[in-house]
Amino acid sequence: MNTKKPEKRKIKRKLLDKYRLVILNEHTFEERLSIKLTRLNVFVLASLSAIILIAGTTMLIAFTSLKEYIPGYSSASLKKKATELNYKTDSLQQVIMLNDRYYASIKKVLQGEVSTIDFSRDSIIQAVKIEASEVNFKPTAEDSLLRQKVDKEDKYNLFESATSASNFILFPPVNGTISELYNVKNKHFAVDIVVAKGTPIKATADGIVVFAEWTANTGYVVILEHSYGLISVYKHNSALTKNQGDLVKAGEVIATAGNAGELSTGPHLHFELWNDGYPINPTNFIDFK
């Protein structure tokens, strides 16, 4: 027991004994720096320095791009590129496999190695009959209503009563005195009918309004498209009662007569008829008296 105590004291003394670290000038032996140290202090400082160095190195590698230079580590971008390349490689393998099958089939055809298959005509007809019997061709109520609506709105099928051009009749838009006749030489492809201001202008036939706007030269203008490629034009109106896209019946009021537009010289209706892009004389089909 007595021998152990001196040994412990000796170890403690070695750890706590103070030493002086002196830095001298080699030529003048002048003391520049003096530090008091113990073995325990040196051990603690060395341990702390090692811990700090290891921790700093670990953080530097973990949170910077330096880890990419360590074997076994890779960046997120490299992983993404590797994944994309993997998908592309798989797709290319699928394409190559399909091309190989295609070329193999062509090779068989060129070499005459295509096997023949005997088809039974009766079995094919029977299969078609079975498929046809399973299909319900009876129209639903919604389908029937939709067909009726489309037939009514079809601009080329506006005449429900007129089934042929023989019973296609044009009604006079207004009744009055013609102040200027249809004249091709003067490029007056219309007739001007003198009427009182505010006289109702009526549609000459069933049709759809394709234009209903104000113009500086001719005032309010209405253009109707009818069946059989016929178009009627009504100009110099003071007001309109229909809008573009409206369906109208023969004799239905579409505007009121007036003296609108720079080219108008008095209350009248400027009426034009066009068939398949060519002007026609309205007096050949309509009696305005």
C-alpha atoms as a PDB file:
ATOM      1  CA  MET A   1       0.000   0.000   0.000  1.00  0.00           C
ATOM      2  CA  ASN A   2       2.855   2.370   0.835  1.00  0.00           C
ATOM      3  CA  THR A   3       4.486   1.796  -2.544  1.00  0.00           C
ATOM      4  CA  LYS A   4       1.340   2.608  -4.538  1.00  0.00           C
ATOM      5  CA  LYS A   5       0.843   6.052  -3.026  1.00  0.00           C
ATOM      6  CA  PRO A   6       4.281   7.315  -4.029  1.00  0.00           C
ATOM      7  CA  GLU A   7       3.672   6.025  -7.562  1.00  0.00           C
ATOM      8  CA  LYS A   8       0.384   7.908  -7.836  1.00  0.00           C
ATOM      9  CA  ARG A   9       1.981  11.033  -6.516  1.00  0.00           C
ATOM     10  CA  LYS A  10       4.806  10.632  -8.961  1.00  0.00           C
ATOM     11  CA  ILE A  11       2.381  10.368 -11.942  1.00  0.00           C
ATOM     12  CA  LYS A  12       0.401  13.340 -10.693  1.00  0.00           C
ATOM     13  CA  ARG A  13       3.583  15.342 -10.260  1.00  0.00           C
ATOM     14  CA  LYS A  14       4.667  14.523 -13.808  1.00  0.00           C
ATOM     15  CA  LEU A  15       1.330  15.697 -15.186  1.00  0.00           C
ATOM     16  CA  LEU A  16       1.196  18.873 -13.161  1.00  0.00           C
ATOM     17  CA  ASP A  17       4.848  19.827 -13.125  1.00  0.00           C
ATOM     18  CA  LYS A  18       5.299  23.131 -14.913  1.00  0.00           C
ATOM     19  CA  TYR A  19       7.677  23.593 -17.775  1.00  0.00           C
ATOM     20  CA  ARG A  20       8.694  26.733 -19.560  1.00  0.00           C
ATOM     21  CA  LEU A  21       8.880  26.979 -23.300  1.00  0.00           C
ATOM     22  CA  VAL A  22      11.301  29.771 -24.142  1.00  0.00           C
ATOM     23  CA  ILE A  23      11.993  31.185 -27.611  1.00  0.00           C
ATOM     24  CA  LEU A  24      15.413  32.952 -27.829  1.00  0.00           C
ATOM     25  CA  ASN A  25      17.189  34.923 -30.472  1.00  0.00           C
ATOM     26  CA  GLU A  26      19.953  32.636 -31.717  1.00  0.00           C
ATOM     27  CA  HIS A  27      22.520  35.405 -32.060  1.00  0.00           C
ATOM     28  CA  THR A  28      21.816  37.542 -29.022  1.00  0.00           C
ATOM     29  CA  PHE A  29      20.151  34.917 -26.841  1.00  0.00           C
ATOM     30  CA  GLU A  30      17.464  37.499 -26.152  1.00  0.00           C
ATOM     31  CA  GLU A  31      14.218  35.983 -24.869  1.00  0.00           C
ATOM     32  CA  ARG A  32      11.397  36.580 -27.339  1.00  0.00           C
ATOM     33  CA  LEU A  33       8.590  34.409 -25.992  1.00  0.00           C
ATOM     34  CA  SER A  34       8.040  32.408 -22.847  1.00  0.00           C
ATOM     35  CA  ILE A  35       5.142  29.986 -22.233  1.00  0.00           C
ATOM     36  CA  LYS A  36       4.449  27.981 -19.089  1.00  0.00           C
ATOM     37  CA  LEU A  37       3.189  24.490 -19.825  1.00  0.00           C
ATOM     38  CA  THR A  38       2.346  21.289 -18.100  1.00  0.00           C
ATOM     39  CA  ARG A  39       2.084  17.839 -19.580  1.00  0.00           C
ATOM     40  CA  LEU A  40      -1.627  17.849 -18.833  1.00  0.00           C
ATOM     41  CA  ASN A  41      -2.134  21.125 -20.706  1.00  0.00           C
ATOM     42  CA  VAL A  42      -0.222  19.816 -23.705  1.00  0.00           C
ATOM     43  CA  PHE A  43      -2.300  16.625 -23.737  1.00  0.00           C
ATOM     44  CA  VAL A  44      -5.592  18.550 -23.514  1.00  0.00           C
ATOM     45  CA  LEU A  45      -4.599  21.018 -26.255  1.00  0.00           C
ATOM     46  CA  ALA A  46      -3.444  18.220 -28.554  1.00  0.00           C
ATOM     47  CA  SER A  47      -6.671  16.275 -28.004  1.00  0.00           C
ATOM     48  CA  LEU A  48      -8.873  19.344 -28.647  1.00  0.00           C
ATOM     49  CA  SER A  49      -6.896  20.215 -31.765  1.00  0.00           C
ATOM     50  CA  ALA A  50      -7.271  16.673 -33.088  1.00  0.00           C
ATOM     51  CA  ILE A  51     -11.027  16.658 -32.404  1.00  0.00           C
ATOM     52  CA  ILE A  52     -11.506  20.062 -34.081  1.00  0.00           C
ATOM     53  CA  LEU A  53      -9.423  19.002 -37.079  1.00  0.00           C
ATOM     54  CA  ILE A  54     -11.341  15.764 -37.530  1.00  0.00           C
ATOM     55  CA  ALA A  55     -14.743  17.488 -37.151  1.00  0.00           C
ATOM     56  CA  GLY A  56     -13.800  20.255 -39.598  1.00  0.00           C
ATOM     57  CA  THR A  57     -12.511  17.793 -42.172  1.00  0.00           C
ATOM     58  CA  THR A  58     -15.678  15.685 -41.878  1.00  0.00           C
ATOM     59  CA  MET A  59     -17.976  18.699 -42.321  1.00  0.00           C
ATOM     60  CA  LEU A  60     -15.894  19.999 -45.223  1.00  0.00           C
ATOM     61  CA  ILE A  61     -16.216  16.694 -47.046  1.00  0.00           C
ATOM     62  CA  ALA A  62     -19.868  16.113 -46.179  1.00  0.00           C
ATOM     63  CA  PHE A  63     -21.224  19.545 -47.160  1.00  0.00           C
ATOM     64  CA  THR A  64     -18.992  20.476 -50.112  1.00  0.00           C
ATOM     65  CA  SER A  65     -18.211  19.041 -53.523  1.00  0.00           C
ATOM     66  CA  LEU A  66     -14.956  17.568 -52.234  1.00  0.00           C
ATOM     67  CA  LYS A  67     -16.790  14.349 -51.401  1.00  0.00           C
ATOM     68  CA  GLU A  68     -17.071  13.645 -55.156  1.00  0.00           C
ATOM     69  CA  TYR A  69     -13.329  12.959 -55.200  1.00  0.00           C
ATOM     70  CA  ILE A  70     -13.646  10.296 -52.518  1.00  0.00           C
ATOM     71  CA  PRO A  71     -14.256   6.782 -53.873  1.00  0.00           C
ATOM     72  CA  GLY A  72     -17.789   5.619 -53.133  1.00  0.00           C
ATOM     73  CA  TYR A  73     -19.393   9.074 -53.134  1.00  0.00           C
ATOM     74  CA  SER A  74     -21.263  10.762 -56.031  1.00  0.00           C
ATOM     75  CA  SER A  75     -23.186  14.027 -56.462  1.00  0.00           C
ATOM     76  CA  ALA A  76     -26.950  14.354 -57.033  1.00  0.00           C
ATOM     77  CA  SER A  77     -26.426  15.529 -60.614  1.00  0.00           C
ATOM     78  CA  LEU A  78     -24.294  12.492 -61.387  1.00  0.00           C
ATOM     79  CA  LYS A  79     -26.959  10.219 -59.935  1.00  0.00           C
ATOM     80  CA  LYS A  80     -29.627  11.949 -62.041  1.00  0.00           C
ATOM     81  CA  LYS A  81     -27.574  11.599 -65.220  1.00  0.00           C
ATOM     82  CA  ALA A  82     -26.882   7.972 -64.431  1.00  0.00           C
ATOM     83  CA  THR A  83     -30.627   7.320 -63.954  1.00  0.00           C
ATOM     84  CA  GLU A  84     -31.479   9.044 -67.247  1.00  0.00           C
ATOM     85  CA  LEU A  85     -28.832   7.051 -69.066  1.00  0.00           C
ATOM     86  CA  ASN A  86     -30.229   3.881 -67.552  1.00  0.00           C
ATOM     87  CA  TYR A  87     -33.729   4.685 -68.844  1.00  0.00           C
ATOM     88  CA  LYS A  88     -32.391   5.562 -72.298  1.00  0.00           C
ATOM     89  CA  THR A  89     -30.399   2.355 -72.429  1.00  0.00           C
ATOM     90  CA  ASP A  90     -33.486   0.347 -71.540  1.00  0.00           C
ATOM     91  CA  SER A  91     -35.528   2.158 -74.235  1.00  0.00           C
ATOM     92  CA  LEU A  92     -32.824   1.536 -76.835  1.00  0.00           C
ATOM     93  CA  GLN A  93     -32.786  -2.137 -75.927  1.00  0.00           C
ATOM     94  CA  GLN A  94     -36.536  -2.323 -76.469  1.00  0.00           C
ATOM     95  CA  VAL A  95     -36.226  -0.578 -79.854  1.00  0.00           C
ATOM     96  CA  ILE A  96     -33.406  -2.891 -80.910  1.00  0.00           C
ATOM     97  CA  MET A  97     -35.464  -5.923 -79.919  1.00  0.00           C
ATOM     98  CA  LEU A  98     -38.470  -4.706 -81.939  1.00  0.00           C
ATOM     99  CA  ASN A  99     -36.262  -3.942 -84.933  1.00  0.00           C
ATOM    100  CA  ASP A 100     -34.748  -7.421 -84.730  1.00  0.00           C
ATOM    101  CA  ARG A 101     -38.213  -8.961 -84.781  1.00  0.00           C
ATOM    102  CA  TYR A 102     -39.224  -6.761 -87.704  1.00  0.00           C
ATOM    103  CA  TYR A 103     -36.136  -7.638 -89.718  1.00  0.00           C
ATOM    104  CA  ALA A 104     -36.632 -11.316 -88.920  1.00  0.00           C
ATOM    105  CA  SER A 105     -40.204 -11.179 -90.240  1.00  0.00           C
ATOM    106  CA  ILE A 106     -39.047  -9.392 -93.415  1.00  0.00           C
ATOM    107  CA  LYS A 107     -36.333 -11.994 -93.866  1.00  0.00           C
ATOM    108  CA  LYS A 108     -38.937 -14.776 -93.653  1.00  0.00           C
ATOM    109  CA  VAL A 109     -41.096 -13.058 -96.264  1.00  0.00           C
ATOM    110  CA  LEU A 110     -38.158 -12.588 -98.648  1.00  0.00           C
ATOM    111  CA  GLN A 111     -37.080 -16.193 -98.244  1.00  0.00           C
ATOM    112  CA  GLY A 112     -40.601 -17.536 -98.635  1.00  0.00           C
ATOM    113  CA  GLU A 113     -40.753 -19.013 -95.169  1.00  0.00           C
ATOM    114  CA  VAL A 114     -44.170 -17.545 -94.329  1.00  0.00           C
ATOM    115  CA  SER A 115     -46.536 -20.229 -93.121  1.00  0.00           C
ATOM    116  CA  THR A 116     -50.007 -20.337 -94.654  1.00  0.00           C
ATOM    117  CA  ILE A 117     -53.152 -20.346 -92.532  1.00  0.00           C
ATOM    118  CA  ASP A 118     -56.410 -21.843 -93.722  1.00  0.00           C
ATOM    119  CA  PHE A 119     -59.384 -19.603 -92.985  1.00  0.00           C
ATOM    120  CA  SER A 120     -62.893 -20.910 -92.785  1.00  0.00           C
ATOM    121  CA  ARG A 121     -65.247 -18.650 -94.709  1.00  0.00           C
ATOM    122  CA  ASP A 122     -68.287 -19.852 -92.802  1.00  0.00           C
ATOM    123  CA  SER A 123     -66.667 -19.225 -89.431  1.00  0.00           C
ATOM    124  CA  ILE A 124     -65.762 -15.653 -90.405  1.00  0.00           C
ATOM    125  CA  ILE A 125     -69.311 -14.869 -91.588  1.00  0.00           C
ATOM    126  CA  GLN A 126     -70.742 -16.377 -88.420  1.00  0.00           C
ATOM    127  CA  ALA A 127     -68.398 -14.272 -86.255  1.00  0.00           C
ATOM    128  CA  VAL A 128     -69.441 -11.083 -88.075  1.00  0.00           C
ATOM    129  CA  LYS A 129     -73.111 -11.921 -87.576  1.00  0.00           C
ATOM    130  CA  ILE A 130     -72.564 -12.451 -83.865  1.00  0.00           C
ATOM    131  CA  GLU A 131     -70.765  -9.101 -83.520  1.00  0.00           C
ATOM    132  CA  ALA A 132     -73.491  -7.288 -85.476  1.00  0.00           C
ATOM    133  CA  SER A 133     -76.221  -8.829 -83.333  1.00  0.00           C
ATOM    134  CA  GLU A 134     -74.540  -7.516 -80.190  1.00  0.00           C
ATOM    135  CA  VAL A 135     -74.575  -3.905 -81.402  1.00  0.00           C
ATOM    136  CA  ASN A 136     -77.636  -1.769 -80.646  1.00  0.00           C
ATOM    137  CA  PHE A 137     -78.342   0.448 -83.674  1.00  0.00           C
ATOM    138  CA  LYS A 138     -81.524   1.951 -82.256  1.00  0.00           C
ATOM    139  CA  PRO A 139     -81.029   5.725 -81.773  1.00  0.00           C
ATOM    140  CA  THR A 140     -81.536   7.173 -78.328  1.00  0.00           C
ATOM    141  CA  ALA A 141     -83.904  10.012 -77.530  1.00  0.00           C
ATOM    142  CA  GLU A 142     -80.995  12.440 -77.052  1.00  0.00           C
ATOM    143  CA  ASP A 143     -79.564  11.480 -80.433  1.00  0.00           C
ATOM    144  CA  SER A 144     -82.899  12.057 -82.173  1.00  0.00           C
ATOM    145  CA  LEU A 145     -83.304  15.502 -80.577  1.00  0.00           C
ATOM    146  CA  LEU A 146     -79.760  16.458 -81.553  1.00  0.00           C
ATOM    147  CA  ARG A 147     -80.356  15.426 -85.161  1.00  0.00           C
ATOM    148  CA  GLN A 148     -83.517  17.536 -85.334  1.00  0.00           C
ATOM    149  CA  LYS A 149     -81.715  20.542 -83.891  1.00  0.00           C
ATOM    150  CA  VAL A 150     -78.830  20.241 -86.356  1.00  0.00           C
ATOM    151  CA  ASP A 151     -81.238  19.928 -89.301  1.00  0.00           C
ATOM    152  CA  LYS A 152     -82.993  23.115 -88.270  1.00  0.00           C
ATOM    153  CA  GLU A 153     -79.797  25.086 -87.726  1.00  0.00           C
ATOM    154  CA  ASP A 154     -78.076  23.894 -90.902  1.00  0.00           C
ATOM    155  CA  LYS A 155     -77.764  26.971 -93.092  1.00  0.00           C
ATOM    156  CA  TYR A 156     -78.071  24.823 -96.199  1.00  0.00           C
ATOM    157  CA  ASN A 157     -81.277  23.197 -94.984  1.00  0.00           C
ATOM    158  CA  LEU A 158     -83.302  26.174 -93.795  1.00  0.00           C
ATOM    159  CA  PHE A 159     -86.340  25.475 -95.945  1.00  0.00           C
ATOM    160  CA  GLU A 160     -88.341  22.808 -94.191  1.00  0.00           C
ATOM    161  CA  SER A 161     -91.259  23.170 -96.595  1.00  0.00           C
ATOM    162  CA  ALA A 162     -89.294  23.747 -99.817  1.00  0.00           C
ATOM    163  CA  THR A 163     -87.825  20.426-100.915  1.00  0.00           C
ATOM    164  CA  SER A 164     -86.759  21.596-104.370  1.00  0.00           C
ATOM    165  CA  ALA A 165     -85.860  24.763-106.233  1.00  0.00           C
ATOM    166  CA  SER A 166     -89.138  24.705-108.123  1.00  0.00           C
ATOM    167  CA  ASN A 167     -91.198  25.916-105.121  1.00  0.00           C
ATOM    168  CA  PHE A 168     -88.539  28.387-103.875  1.00  0.00           C
ATOM    169  CA  ILE A 169     -90.309  31.786-103.803  1.00  0.00           C
ATOM    170  CA  LEU A 170     -88.836  35.243-103.101  1.00  0.00           C
ATOM    171  CA  PHE A 171     -90.993  37.814-101.323  1.00  0.00           C
ATOM    172  CA  PRO A 172     -90.590  41.585-101.779  1.00  0.00           C
ATOM    173  CA  PRO A 173     -88.693  43.148 -98.856  1.00  0.00           C
ATOM    174  CA  VAL A 174     -90.739  46.363 -99.327  1.00  0.00           C
ATOM    175  CA  ASN A 175     -93.342  47.748-101.704  1.00  0.00           C
ATOM    176  CA  GLY A 176     -92.623  51.021-103.413  1.00  0.00           C
ATOM    177  CA  THR A 177     -91.398  52.881-106.472  1.00  0.00           C
ATOM    178  CA  ILE A 178     -88.049  51.921-107.964  1.00  0.00           C
ATOM    179  CA  SER A 179     -85.890  55.031-108.238  1.00  0.00           C
ATOM    180  CA  GLU A 180     -82.878  53.319-109.835  1.00  0.00           C
ATOM    181  CA  LEU A 181     -82.873  50.038-111.703  1.00  0.00           C
ATOM    182  CA  TYR A 182     -80.327  47.250-111.870  1.00  0.00           C
ATOM    183  CA  ASN A 183     -77.538  48.399-114.236  1.00  0.00           C
ATOM    184  CA  VAL A 184     -74.459  46.277-114.911  1.00  0.00           C
ATOM    185  CA  LYS A 185     -72.709  48.955-117.002  1.00  0.00           C
ATOM    186  CA  ASN A 186     -72.841  51.474-114.151  1.00  0.00           C
ATOM    187  CA  LYS A 187     -71.945  48.699-111.660  1.00  0.00           C
ATOM    188  CA  HIS A 188     -75.217  49.263-109.840  1.00  0.00           C
ATOM    189  CA  PHE A 189     -75.972  45.633-108.969  1.00  0.00           C
ATOM    190  CA  ALA A 190     -79.157  46.468-107.086  1.00  0.00           C
ATOM    191  CA  VAL A 191     -82.508  48.196-107.192  1.00  0.00           C
ATOM    192  CA  ASP A 192     -83.310  51.278-105.094  1.00  0.00           C
ATOM    193  CA  ILE A 193     -86.895  51.338-103.787  1.00  0.00           C
ATOM    194  CA  VAL A 194     -88.250  54.625-102.452  1.00  0.00           C
ATOM    195  CA  VAL A 195     -90.037  54.138 -99.119  1.00  0.00           C
ATOM    196  CA  ALA A 196     -90.930  56.244 -96.124  1.00  0.00           C
ATOM    197  CA  LYS A 197     -88.487  56.443 -93.258  1.00  0.00           C
ATOM    198  CA  GLY A 198     -89.162  53.757 -90.666  1.00  0.00           C
ATOM    199  CA  THR A 199     -90.795  51.336 -93.132  1.00  0.00           C
ATOM    200  CA  PRO A 200     -90.247  47.716 -92.008  1.00  0.00           C
ATOM    201  CA  ILE A 201     -87.735  45.830 -94.147  1.00  0.00           C
ATOM    202  CA  LYS A 202     -88.626  42.134 -94.476  1.00  0.00           C
ATOM    203  CA  ALA A 203     -86.544  39.088 -95.352  1.00  0.00           C
ATOM    204  CA  THR A 204     -87.071  37.994 -98.943  1.00  0.00           C
ATOM    205  CA  ALA A 205     -86.741  34.311 -97.983  1.00  0.00           C
ATOM    206  CA  ASP A 206     -85.783  32.008 -95.118  1.00  0.00           C
ATOM    207  CA  GLY A 207     -82.143  32.376 -94.232  1.00  0.00           C
ATOM    208  CA  ILE A 208     -79.470  33.190 -91.697  1.00  0.00           C
ATOM    209  CA  VAL A 209     -78.008  36.620 -90.908  1.00  0.00           C
ATOM    210  CA  VAL A 210     -74.337  36.564 -91.932  1.00  0.00           C
ATOM    211  CA  PHE A 211     -73.726  40.324 -91.527  1.00  0.00           C
ATOM    212  CA  ALA A 212     -75.512  43.007 -89.484  1.00  0.00           C
ATOM    213  CA  GLU A 213     -73.368  46.090 -88.856  1.00  0.00           C
ATOM    214  CA  TRP A 214     -73.059  49.855 -89.426  1.00  0.00           C
ATOM    215  CA  THR A 215     -70.988  51.172 -92.336  1.00  0.00           C
ATOM    216  CA  ALA A 216     -70.074  54.776 -93.065  1.00  0.00           C
ATOM    217  CA  ASN A 217     -71.112  54.680 -96.734  1.00  0.00           C
ATOM    218  CA  THR A 218     -74.309  52.608 -96.569  1.00  0.00           C
ATOM    219  CA  GLY A 219     -75.547  52.962 -92.979  1.00  0.00           C
ATOM    220  CA  TYR A 220     -76.926  49.865 -91.310  1.00  0.00           C
ATOM    221  CA  VAL A 221     -76.487  46.831 -93.557  1.00  0.00           C
ATOM    222  CA  VAL A 222     -78.034  43.366 -93.301  1.00  0.00           C
ATOM    223  CA  ILE A 223     -76.884  40.398 -95.397  1.00  0.00           C
ATOM    224  CA  LEU A 224     -78.846  37.141 -95.434  1.00  0.00           C
ATOM    225  CA  GLU A 225     -77.682  33.782 -96.774  1.00  0.00           C
ATOM    226  CA  HIS A 226     -80.381  31.534 -98.217  1.00  0.00           C
ATOM    227  CA  SER A 227     -80.523  28.111 -99.830  1.00  0.00           C
ATOM    228  CA  TYR A 228     -79.300  27.328-103.342  1.00  0.00           C
ATOM    229  CA  GLY A 229     -76.349  29.733-103.051  1.00  0.00           C
ATOM    230  CA  LEU A 230     -78.555  32.841-102.844  1.00  0.00           C
ATOM    231  CA  ILE A 231     -77.558  35.944-100.858  1.00  0.00           C
ATOM    232  CA  SER A 232     -79.682  39.064-100.293  1.00  0.00           C
ATOM    233  CA  VAL A 233     -78.310  42.467 -99.231  1.00  0.00           C
ATOM    234  CA  TYR A 234     -80.262  45.328 -97.574  1.00  0.00           C
ATOM    235  CA  LYS A 235     -78.550  48.749 -97.235  1.00  0.00           C
ATOM    236  CA  HIS A 236     -79.200  52.322 -95.975  1.00  0.00           C
ATOM    237  CA  ASN A 237     -81.314  51.143 -93.029  1.00  0.00           C
ATOM    238  CA  SER A 238     -81.902  53.366 -90.009  1.00  0.00           C
ATOM    239  CA  ALA A 239     -81.988  50.483 -87.506  1.00  0.00           C
ATOM    240  CA  LEU A 240     -81.579  46.700 -87.304  1.00  0.00           C
ATOM    241  CA  THR A 241     -83.799  44.162 -85.558  1.00  0.00           C
ATOM    242  CA  LYS A 242     -81.593  41.102 -86.099  1.00  0.00           C
ATOM    243  CA  ASN A 243     -78.053  40.177 -85.154  1.00  0.00           C
ATOM    244  CA  GLN A 244     -75.416  38.134 -86.915  1.00  0.00           C
ATOM    245  CA  GLY A 245     -76.176  34.415 -86.655  1.00  0.00           C
ATOM    246  CA  ASP A 246     -79.955  34.786 -86.240  1.00  0.00           C
ATOM    247  CA  LEU A 247     -82.294  32.534 -88.228  1.00  0.00           C
ATOM    248  CA  VAL A 248     -85.071  34.398 -90.038  1.00  0.00           C
ATOM    249  CA  LYS A 249     -88.201  33.396 -91.931  1.00  0.00           C
ATOM    250  CA  ALA A 250     -89.507  34.852 -95.175  1.00  0.00           C
ATOM    251  CA  GLY A 251     -91.431  38.068 -94.458  1.00  0.00           C
ATOM    252  CA  GLU A 252     -89.876  38.544 -91.005  1.00  0.00           C
ATOM    253  CA  VAL A 253     -88.847  42.126 -90.184  1.00  0.00           C
ATOM    254  CA  ILE A 254     -85.063  42.454 -90.128  1.00  0.00           C
ATOM    255  CA  ALA A 255     -84.605  46.276 -90.230  1.00  0.00           C
ATOM    256  CA  THR A 256     -86.307  49.649 -90.703  1.00  0.00           C
ATOM    257  CA  ALA A 257     -85.781  51.813 -93.763  1.00  0.00           C
ATOM    258  CA  GLY A 258     -83.928  55.102 -93.539  1.00  0.00           C
ATOM    259  CA  ASN A 259     -81.526  57.550 -95.112  1.00  0.00           C
ATOM    260  CA  ALA A 260     -78.315  56.362 -93.435  1.00  0.00           C
ATOM    261  CA  GLY A 261     -74.883  56.461 -95.006  1.00  0.00           C
ATOM    262  CA  GLU A 262     -72.873  58.953 -97.048  1.00  0.00           C
ATOM    263  CA  LEU A 263     -74.038  57.449-100.367  1.00  0.00           C
ATOM    264  CA  SER A 264     -77.759  57.824 -99.589  1.00  0.00           C
ATOM    265  CA  THR A 265     -79.768  60.651-101.209  1.00  0.00           C
ATOM    266  CA  GLY A 266     -83.081  60.029 -99.425  1.00  0.00           C
ATOM    267  CA  PRO A 267     -85.123  57.408 -97.586  1.00  0.00           C
ATOM    268  CA  HIS A 268     -84.949  54.227 -99.650  1.00  0.00           C
ATOM    269  CA  LEU A 269     -83.873  50.576 -99.645  1.00  0.00           C
ATOM    270  CA  HIS A 270     -80.845  49.450-101.620  1.00  0.00           C
ATOM    271  CA  PHE A 271     -81.600  45.775-102.367  1.00  0.00           C
ATOM    272  CA  GLU A 272     -79.170  43.297-103.968  1.00  0.00           C
ATOM    273  CA  LEU A 273     -79.396  39.621-104.947  1.00  0.00           C
ATOM    274  CA  TRP A 274     -76.365  37.394-105.515  1.00  0.00           C
ATOM    275  CA  ASN A 275     -76.301  33.790-106.671  1.00  0.00           C
ATOM    276  CA  ASP A 276     -73.085  31.725-106.273  1.00  0.00           C
ATOM    277  CA  GLY A 277     -71.030  34.939-106.257  1.00  0.00           C
ATOM    278  CA  TYR A 278     -72.730  36.554-109.299  1.00  0.00           C
ATOM    279  CA  PRO A 279     -75.168  39.492-109.141  1.00  0.00           C
ATOM    280  CA  ILE A 280     -78.684  38.985-110.507  1.00  0.00           C
ATOM    281  CA  ASN A 281     -81.492  41.421-111.298  1.00  0.00           C
ATOM    282  CA  PRO A 282     -84.013  41.360-108.435  1.00  0.00           C
ATOM    283  CA  THR A 283     -86.846  42.555-110.696  1.00  0.00           C
ATOM    284  CA  ASN A 284     -86.670  39.266-112.623  1.00  0.00           C
ATOM    285  CA  PHE A 285     -87.907  37.441-109.510  1.00  0.00           C
ATOM    286  CA  ILE A 286     -89.675  40.014-107.317  1.00  0.00           C
ATOM    287  CA  ASP A 287     -92.512  42.447-107.958  1.00  0.00           C
ATOM    288  CA  PHE A 288     -91.912  45.534-105.789  1.00  0.00           C
ATOM    289  CA  LYS A 289     -95.232  47.279-106.594  1.00  0.00           C
END
